[in-house]
Amino acid sequence: MKTQEELRAEYDRLFEAEDYAAAGKVLDLIEPISDEEWLKILHSAPETDEPVPEFIRERSRVLDAILAKRGRRAG
């Protein structure tokens, strides 16, 4: 019997391979995780797996400054 971590890895592999039927069967074998464990995973995950170009970061800073002057926040 595979561990839960191995099952999750197998699910990810099958999903990436677009074998959704097999991924669904593996998903049925995975035990649900607690809210606390989910939040821990969520908070430790990177914001994005793609680097954000500097010009987008700059535009975001400009937008934040404009909204701050108006007493609002982006989000």
PDB file of N, CA and C in Angstrom:
ATOM      1  N   MET A   1       0.845  -1.186   0.000  1.00  0.00           N
ATOM      2  CA  MET A   1       0.000   0.000   0.000  1.00  0.00           C
ATOM      3  C   MET A   1       0.881   1.237   0.000  1.00  0.00           C
ATOM      4  N   LYS A   2       0.538   2.189  -0.822  1.00  0.00           N
ATOM      5  CA  LYS A   2       1.301   3.424  -0.909  1.00  0.00           C
ATOM      6  C   LYS A   2       0.916   4.361   0.229  1.00  0.00           C
ATOM      7  N   THR A   3       1.867   5.217   0.613  1.00  0.00           N
ATOM      8  CA  THR A   3       1.577   6.226   1.625  1.00  0.00           C
ATOM      9  C   THR A   3       0.730   7.330   0.999  1.00  0.00           C
ATOM     10  N   GLN A   4       0.147   8.170   1.840  1.00  0.00           N
ATOM     11  CA  GLN A   4      -0.664   9.282   1.346  1.00  0.00           C
ATOM     12  C   GLN A   4       0.179  10.229   0.483  1.00  0.00           C
ATOM     13  N   GLU A   5       1.420  10.433   0.889  1.00  0.00           N
ATOM     14  CA  GLU A   5       2.299  11.304   0.117  1.00  0.00           C
ATOM     15  C   GLU A   5       2.580  10.701  -1.262  1.00  0.00           C
ATOM     16  N   GLU A   6       2.788   9.405  -1.326  1.00  0.00           N
ATOM     17  CA  GLU A   6       3.013   8.741  -2.610  1.00  0.00           C
ATOM     18  C   GLU A   6       1.756   8.805  -3.483  1.00  0.00           C
ATOM     19  N   LEU A   7       0.594   8.657  -2.851  1.00  0.00           N
ATOM     20  CA  LEU A   7      -0.654   8.755  -3.604  1.00  0.00           C
ATOM     21  C   LEU A   7      -0.846  10.163  -4.179  1.00  0.00           C
ATOM     22  N   ARG A   8      -0.509  11.170  -3.388  1.00  0.00           N
ATOM     23  CA  ARG A   8      -0.621  12.545  -3.881  1.00  0.00           C
ATOM     24  C   ARG A   8       0.320  12.779  -5.059  1.00  0.00           C
ATOM     25  N   ALA A   9       1.536  12.246  -4.964  1.00  0.00           N
ATOM     26  CA  ALA A   9       2.496  12.388  -6.063  1.00  0.00           C
ATOM     27  C   ALA A   9       1.989  11.667  -7.314  1.00  0.00           C
ATOM     28  N   GLU A  10       1.417  10.483  -7.122  1.00  0.00           N
ATOM     29  CA  GLU A  10       0.870   9.730  -8.256  1.00  0.00           C
ATOM     30  C   GLU A  10      -0.306  10.479  -8.883  1.00  0.00           C
ATOM     31  N   TYR A  11      -1.160  11.051  -8.048  1.00  0.00           N
ATOM     32  CA  TYR A  11      -2.275  11.857  -8.549  1.00  0.00           C
ATOM     33  C   TYR A  11      -1.756  13.020  -9.392  1.00  0.00           C
ATOM     34  N   ASP A  12      -0.765  13.753  -8.857  1.00  0.00           N
ATOM     35  CA  ASP A  12      -0.191  14.889  -9.585  1.00  0.00           C
ATOM     36  C   ASP A  12       0.374  14.441 -10.926  1.00  0.00           C
ATOM     37  N   ARG A  13       1.085  13.309 -10.935  1.00  0.00           N
ATOM     38  CA  ARG A  13       1.682  12.803 -12.168  1.00  0.00           C
ATOM     39  C   ARG A  13       0.606  12.470 -13.198  1.00  0.00           C
ATOM     40  N   LEU A  14      -0.433  11.766 -12.767  1.00  0.00           N
ATOM     41  CA  LEU A  14      -1.508  11.386 -13.677  1.00  0.00           C
ATOM     42  C   LEU A  14      -2.280  12.598 -14.184  1.00  0.00           C
ATOM     43  N   PHE A  15      -2.507  13.557 -13.301  1.00  0.00           N
ATOM     44  CA  PHE A  15      -3.229  14.766 -13.698  1.00  0.00           C
ATOM     45  C   PHE A  15      -2.416  15.543 -14.733  1.00  0.00           C
ATOM     46  N   GLU A  16      -1.114  15.675 -14.496  1.00  0.00           N
ATOM     47  CA  GLU A  16      -0.250  16.373 -15.457  1.00  0.00           C
ATOM     48  C   GLU A  16      -0.235  15.651 -16.801  1.00  0.00           C
ATOM     49  N   ALA A  17      -0.346  14.319 -16.765  1.00  0.00           N
ATOM     50  CA  ALA A  17      -0.368  13.525 -17.991  1.00  0.00           C
ATOM     51  C   ALA A  17      -1.753  13.534 -18.638  1.00  0.00           C
ATOM     52  N   GLU A  18      -2.688  14.249 -18.023  1.00  0.00           N
ATOM     53  CA  GLU A  18      -4.071  14.370 -18.485  1.00  0.00           C
ATOM     54  C   GLU A  18      -4.805  13.028 -18.528  1.00  0.00           C
ATOM     55  N   ASP A  19      -4.393  12.117 -17.644  1.00  0.00           N
ATOM     56  CA  ASP A  19      -5.097  10.833 -17.482  1.00  0.00           C
ATOM     57  C   ASP A  19      -6.077  11.020 -16.328  1.00  0.00           C
ATOM     58  N   TYR A  20      -7.152  11.752 -16.607  1.00  0.00           N
ATOM     59  CA  TYR A  20      -8.077  12.172 -15.557  1.00  0.00           C
ATOM     60  C   TYR A  20      -8.844  11.017 -14.934  1.00  0.00           C
ATOM     61  N   ALA A  21      -9.144   9.984 -15.692  1.00  0.00           N
ATOM     62  CA  ALA A  21      -9.860   8.833 -15.142  1.00  0.00           C
ATOM     63  C   ALA A  21      -9.008   8.145 -14.085  1.00  0.00           C
ATOM     64  N   ALA A  22      -7.752   7.895 -14.406  1.00  0.00           N
ATOM     65  CA  ALA A  22      -6.851   7.246 -13.445  1.00  0.00           C
ATOM     66  C   ALA A  22      -6.582   8.165 -12.255  1.00  0.00           C
ATOM     67  N   ALA A  23      -6.427   9.471 -12.516  1.00  0.00           N
ATOM     68  CA  ALA A  23      -6.194  10.428 -11.438  1.00  0.00           C
ATOM     69  C   ALA A  23      -7.377  10.441 -10.477  1.00  0.00           C
ATOM     70  N   GLY A  24      -8.586  10.341 -11.014  1.00  0.00           N
ATOM     71  CA  GLY A  24      -9.776  10.305 -10.169  1.00  0.00           C
ATOM     72  C   GLY A  24      -9.818   9.086  -9.274  1.00  0.00           C
ATOM     73  N   LYS A  25      -9.372   7.951  -9.794  1.00  0.00           N
ATOM     74  CA  LYS A  25      -9.337   6.725  -8.973  1.00  0.00           C
ATOM     75  C   LYS A  25      -8.328   6.856  -7.847  1.00  0.00           C
ATOM     76  N   VAL A  26      -7.181   7.462  -8.147  1.00  0.00           N
ATOM     77  CA  VAL A  26      -6.171   7.670  -7.100  1.00  0.00           C
ATOM     78  C   VAL A  26      -6.686   8.679  -6.080  1.00  0.00           C
ATOM     79  N   LEU A  27      -7.378   9.692  -6.547  1.00  0.00           N
ATOM     80  CA  LEU A  27      -7.918  10.717  -5.654  1.00  0.00           C
ATOM     81  C   LEU A  27      -8.870  10.103  -4.627  1.00  0.00           C
ATOM     82  N   ASP A  28      -9.610   9.079  -5.026  1.00  0.00           N
ATOM     83  CA  ASP A  28     -10.522   8.407  -4.096  1.00  0.00           C
ATOM     84  C   ASP A  28      -9.781   7.723  -2.950  1.00  0.00           C
ATOM     85  N   LEU A  29      -8.501   7.401  -3.146  1.00  0.00           N
ATOM     86  CA  LEU A  29      -7.707   6.719  -2.128  1.00  0.00           C
ATOM     87  C   LEU A  29      -7.024   7.673  -1.157  1.00  0.00           C
ATOM     88  N   ILE A  30      -7.004   8.948  -1.503  1.00  0.00           N
ATOM     89  CA  ILE A  30      -6.321   9.942  -0.671  1.00  0.00           C
ATOM     90  C   ILE A  30      -7.256  10.403   0.444  1.00  0.00           C
ATOM     91  N   GLU A  31      -6.739  10.343   1.668  1.00  0.00           N
ATOM     92  CA  GLU A  31      -7.527  10.785   2.823  1.00  0.00           C
ATOM     93  C   GLU A  31      -7.553  12.312   2.862  1.00  0.00           C
ATOM     94  N   PRO A  32      -8.688  12.895   3.225  1.00  0.00           N
ATOM     95  CA  PRO A  32      -8.762  14.358   3.336  1.00  0.00           C
ATOM     96  C   PRO A  32      -7.789  14.860   4.400  1.00  0.00           C
ATOM     97  N   ILE A  33      -7.277  16.076   4.206  1.00  0.00           N
ATOM     98  CA  ILE A  33      -6.386  16.665   5.198  1.00  0.00           C
ATOM     99  C   ILE A  33      -7.163  17.668   6.035  1.00  0.00           C
ATOM    100  N   SER A  34      -6.604  17.999   7.180  1.00  0.00           N
ATOM    101  CA  SER A  34      -7.266  18.945   8.084  1.00  0.00           C
ATOM    102  C   SER A  34      -7.149  20.359   7.540  1.00  0.00           C
ATOM    103  N   ASP A  35      -8.013  21.234   8.051  1.00  0.00           N
ATOM    104  CA  ASP A  35      -7.955  22.646   7.663  1.00  0.00           C
ATOM    105  C   ASP A  35      -6.592  23.242   8.011  1.00  0.00           C
ATOM    106  N   GLU A  36      -6.058  22.872   9.177  1.00  0.00           N
ATOM    107  CA  GLU A  36      -4.775  23.400   9.612  1.00  0.00           C
ATOM    108  C   GLU A  36      -3.656  22.969   8.666  1.00  0.00           C
ATOM    109  N   GLU A  37      -3.676  21.698   8.243  1.00  0.00           N
ATOM    110  CA  GLU A  37      -2.655  21.209   7.324  1.00  0.00           C
ATOM    111  C   GLU A  37      -2.778  21.904   5.967  1.00  0.00           C
ATOM    112  N   TRP A  38      -4.016  22.100   5.506  1.00  0.00           N
ATOM    113  CA  TRP A  38      -4.244  22.782   4.235  1.00  0.00           C
ATOM    114  C   TRP A  38      -3.718  24.210   4.282  1.00  0.00           C
ATOM    115  N   LEU A  39      -4.011  24.926   5.373  1.00  0.00           N
ATOM    116  CA  LEU A  39      -3.538  26.300   5.503  1.00  0.00           C
ATOM    117  C   LEU A  39      -2.014  26.359   5.571  1.00  0.00           C
ATOM    118  N   LYS A  40      -1.399  25.389   6.232  1.00  0.00           N
ATOM    119  CA  LYS A  40       0.061  25.326   6.302  1.00  0.00           C
ATOM    120  C   LYS A  40       0.639  25.160   4.896  1.00  0.00           C
ATOM    121  N   ILE A  41       0.070  24.265   4.102  1.00  0.00           N
ATOM    122  CA  ILE A  41       0.529  24.045   2.723  1.00  0.00           C
ATOM    123  C   ILE A  41       0.321  25.307   1.897  1.00  0.00           C
ATOM    124  N   LEU A  42      -0.840  25.919   2.041  1.00  0.00           N
ATOM    125  CA  LEU A  42      -1.167  27.116   1.279  1.00  0.00           C
ATOM    126  C   LEU A  42      -0.206  28.259   1.587  1.00  0.00           C
ATOM    127  N   HIS A  43       0.097  28.468   2.877  1.00  0.00           N
ATOM    128  CA  HIS A  43       0.962  29.578   3.271  1.00  0.00           C
ATOM    129  C   HIS A  43       2.421  29.335   2.916  1.00  0.00           C
ATOM    130  N   SER A  44       2.829  28.082   2.775  1.00  0.00           N
ATOM    131  CA  SER A  44       4.220  27.794   2.431  1.00  0.00           C
ATOM    132  C   SER A  44       4.440  27.723   0.922  1.00  0.00           C
ATOM    133  N   ALA A  45       3.362  27.752   0.144  1.00  0.00           N
ATOM    134  CA  ALA A  45       3.481  27.678  -1.312  1.00  0.00           C
ATOM    135  C   ALA A  45       3.987  29.004  -1.872  1.00  0.00           C
ATOM    136  N   PRO A  46       4.744  28.942  -2.949  1.00  0.00           N
ATOM    137  CA  PRO A  46       5.184  30.203  -3.567  1.00  0.00           C
ATOM    138  C   PRO A  46       3.987  30.972  -4.114  1.00  0.00           C
ATOM    139  N   GLU A  47       4.117  32.282  -4.167  1.00  0.00           N
ATOM    140  CA  GLU A  47       3.020  33.120  -4.665  1.00  0.00           C
ATOM    141  C   GLU A  47       2.666  32.728  -6.096  1.00  0.00           C
ATOM    142  N   THR A  48       3.672  32.431  -6.881  1.00  0.00           N
ATOM    143  CA  THR A  48       3.462  32.033  -8.262  1.00  0.00           C
ATOM    144  C   THR A  48       4.653  31.199  -8.702  1.00  0.00           C
ATOM    145  N   ASP A  49       4.447  30.364  -9.679  1.00  0.00           N
ATOM    146  CA  ASP A  49       5.571  29.588 -10.181  1.00  0.00           C
ATOM    147  C   ASP A  49       6.203  30.237 -11.402  1.00  0.00           C
ATOM    148  N   GLU A  50       5.686  31.380 -11.780  1.00  0.00           N
ATOM    149  CA  GLU A  50       6.234  32.136 -12.901  1.00  0.00           C
ATOM    150  C   GLU A  50       6.794  33.452 -12.369  1.00  0.00           C
ATOM    151  N   PRO A  51       7.988  33.839 -12.803  1.00  0.00           N
ATOM    152  CA  PRO A  51       8.513  35.130 -12.357  1.00  0.00           C
ATOM    153  C   PRO A  51       7.672  36.275 -12.919  1.00  0.00           C
ATOM    154  N   VAL A  52       7.454  37.283 -12.102  1.00  0.00           N
ATOM    155  CA  VAL A  52       6.670  38.443 -12.532  1.00  0.00           C
ATOM    156  C   VAL A  52       7.642  39.473 -13.100  1.00  0.00           C
ATOM    157  N   PRO A  53       7.416  39.888 -14.346  1.00  0.00           N
ATOM    158  CA  PRO A  53       8.318  40.875 -14.958  1.00  0.00           C
ATOM    159  C   PRO A  53       8.330  42.175 -14.167  1.00  0.00           C
ATOM    160  N   GLU A  54       9.466  42.848 -14.190  1.00  0.00           N
ATOM    161  CA  GLU A  54       9.628  44.079 -13.420  1.00  0.00           C
ATOM    162  C   GLU A  54       8.639  45.163 -13.850  1.00  0.00           C
ATOM    163  N   PHE A  55       8.324  45.260 -15.149  1.00  0.00           N
ATOM    164  CA  PHE A  55       7.390  46.304 -15.577  1.00  0.00           C
ATOM    165  C   PHE A  55       6.002  46.072 -14.979  1.00  0.00           C
ATOM    166  N   ILE A  56       5.615  44.843 -14.754  1.00  0.00           N
ATOM    167  CA  ILE A  56       4.320  44.575 -14.118  1.00  0.00           C
ATOM    168  C   ILE A  56       4.381  44.940 -12.637  1.00  0.00           C
ATOM    169  N   ARG A  57       5.505  44.617 -11.990  1.00  0.00           N
ATOM    170  CA  ARG A  57       5.671  45.005 -10.585  1.00  0.00           C
ATOM    171  C   ARG A  57       5.600  46.531 -10.439  1.00  0.00           C
ATOM    172  N   GLU A  58       6.238  47.254 -11.370  1.00  0.00           N
ATOM    173  CA  GLU A  58       6.233  48.716 -11.322  1.00  0.00           C
ATOM    174  C   GLU A  58       4.821  49.257 -11.512  1.00  0.00           C
ATOM    175  N   ARG A  59       4.094  48.716 -12.478  1.00  0.00           N
ATOM    176  CA  ARG A  59       2.709  49.164 -12.691  1.00  0.00           C
ATOM    177  C   ARG A  59       1.848  48.889 -11.465  1.00  0.00           C
ATOM    178  N   SER A  60       2.101  47.788 -10.805  1.00  0.00           N
ATOM    179  CA  SER A  60       1.363  47.450  -9.588  1.00  0.00           C
ATOM    180  C   SER A  60       1.663  48.463  -8.479  1.00  0.00           C
ATOM    181  N   ARG A  61       2.951  48.838  -8.356  1.00  0.00           N
ATOM    182  CA  ARG A  61       3.317  49.839  -7.351  1.00  0.00           C
ATOM    183  C   ARG A  61       2.645  51.181  -7.651  1.00  0.00           C
ATOM    184  N   VAL A  62       2.601  51.565  -8.925  1.00  0.00           N
ATOM    185  CA  VAL A  62       1.959  52.822  -9.318  1.00  0.00           C
ATOM    186  C   VAL A  62       0.464  52.774  -8.990  1.00  0.00           C
ATOM    187  N   LEU A  63      -0.180  51.660  -9.330  1.00  0.00           N
ATOM    188  CA  LEU A  63      -1.601  51.507  -9.030  1.00  0.00           C
ATOM    189  C   LEU A  63      -1.850  51.571  -7.525  1.00  0.00           C
ATOM    190  N   ASP A  64      -1.018  50.895  -6.743  1.00  0.00           N
ATOM    191  CA  ASP A  64      -1.162  50.941  -5.287  1.00  0.00           C
ATOM    192  C   ASP A  64      -1.039  52.376  -4.777  1.00  0.00           C
ATOM    193  N   ALA A  65      -0.096  53.144  -5.322  1.00  0.00           N
ATOM    194  CA  ALA A  65       0.092  54.532  -4.887  1.00  0.00           C
ATOM    195  C   ALA A  65      -1.123  55.382  -5.232  1.00  0.00           C
ATOM    196  N   ILE A  66      -1.654  55.206  -6.434  1.00  0.00           N
ATOM    197  CA  ILE A  66      -2.839  55.965  -6.852  1.00  0.00           C
ATOM    198  C   ILE A  66      -4.026  55.624  -5.954  1.00  0.00           C
ATOM    199  N   LEU A  67      -4.233  54.343  -5.716  1.00  0.00           N
ATOM    200  CA  LEU A  67      -5.357  53.937  -4.875  1.00  0.00           C
ATOM    201  C   LEU A  67      -5.172  54.388  -3.433  1.00  0.00           C
ATOM    202  N   ALA A  68      -3.926  54.385  -2.945  1.00  0.00           N
ATOM    203  CA  ALA A  68      -3.673  54.844  -1.579  1.00  0.00           C
ATOM    204  C   ALA A  68      -4.034  56.314  -1.416  1.00  0.00           C
ATOM    205  N   LYS A  69      -3.758  57.122  -2.447  1.00  0.00           N
ATOM    206  CA  LYS A  69      -4.135  58.537  -2.402  1.00  0.00           C
ATOM    207  C   LYS A  69      -5.642  58.708  -2.322  1.00  0.00           C
ATOM    208  N   ARG A  70      -6.369  57.751  -2.894  1.00  0.00           N
ATOM    209  CA  ARG A  70      -7.829  57.818  -2.875  1.00  0.00           C
ATOM    210  C   ARG A  70      -8.427  57.089  -1.673  1.00  0.00           C
ATOM    211  N   GLY A  71      -7.548  56.534  -0.828  1.00  0.00           N
ATOM    212  CA  GLY A  71      -8.025  55.822   0.358  1.00  0.00           C
ATOM    213  C   GLY A  71      -8.550  54.435   0.065  1.00  0.00           C
ATOM    214  N   ARG A  72      -8.058  53.821  -0.998  1.00  0.00           N
ATOM    215  CA  ARG A  72      -8.495  52.480  -1.376  1.00  0.00           C
ATOM    216  C   ARG A  72      -7.281  51.565  -1.479  1.00  0.00           C
ATOM    217  N   ARG A  73      -7.570  50.280  -1.633  1.00  0.00           N
ATOM    218  CA  ARG A  73      -6.501  49.295  -1.801  1.00  0.00           C
ATOM    219  C   ARG A  73      -6.838  48.397  -2.983  1.00  0.00           C
ATOM    220  N   ALA A  74      -5.804  47.958  -3.711  1.00  0.00           N
ATOM    221  CA  ALA A  74      -5.993  46.990  -4.798  1.00  0.00           C
ATOM    222  C   ALA A  74      -6.171  45.621  -4.179  1.00  0.00           C
ATOM    223  N   GLY A  75      -6.853  44.763  -4.860  1.00  0.00           N
ATOM    224  CA  GLY A  75      -6.946  43.403  -4.335  1.00  0.00           C
ATOM    225  C   GLY A  75      -8.168  42.772  -4.741  1.00  0.00           C
TER     226      GLY A  75
END
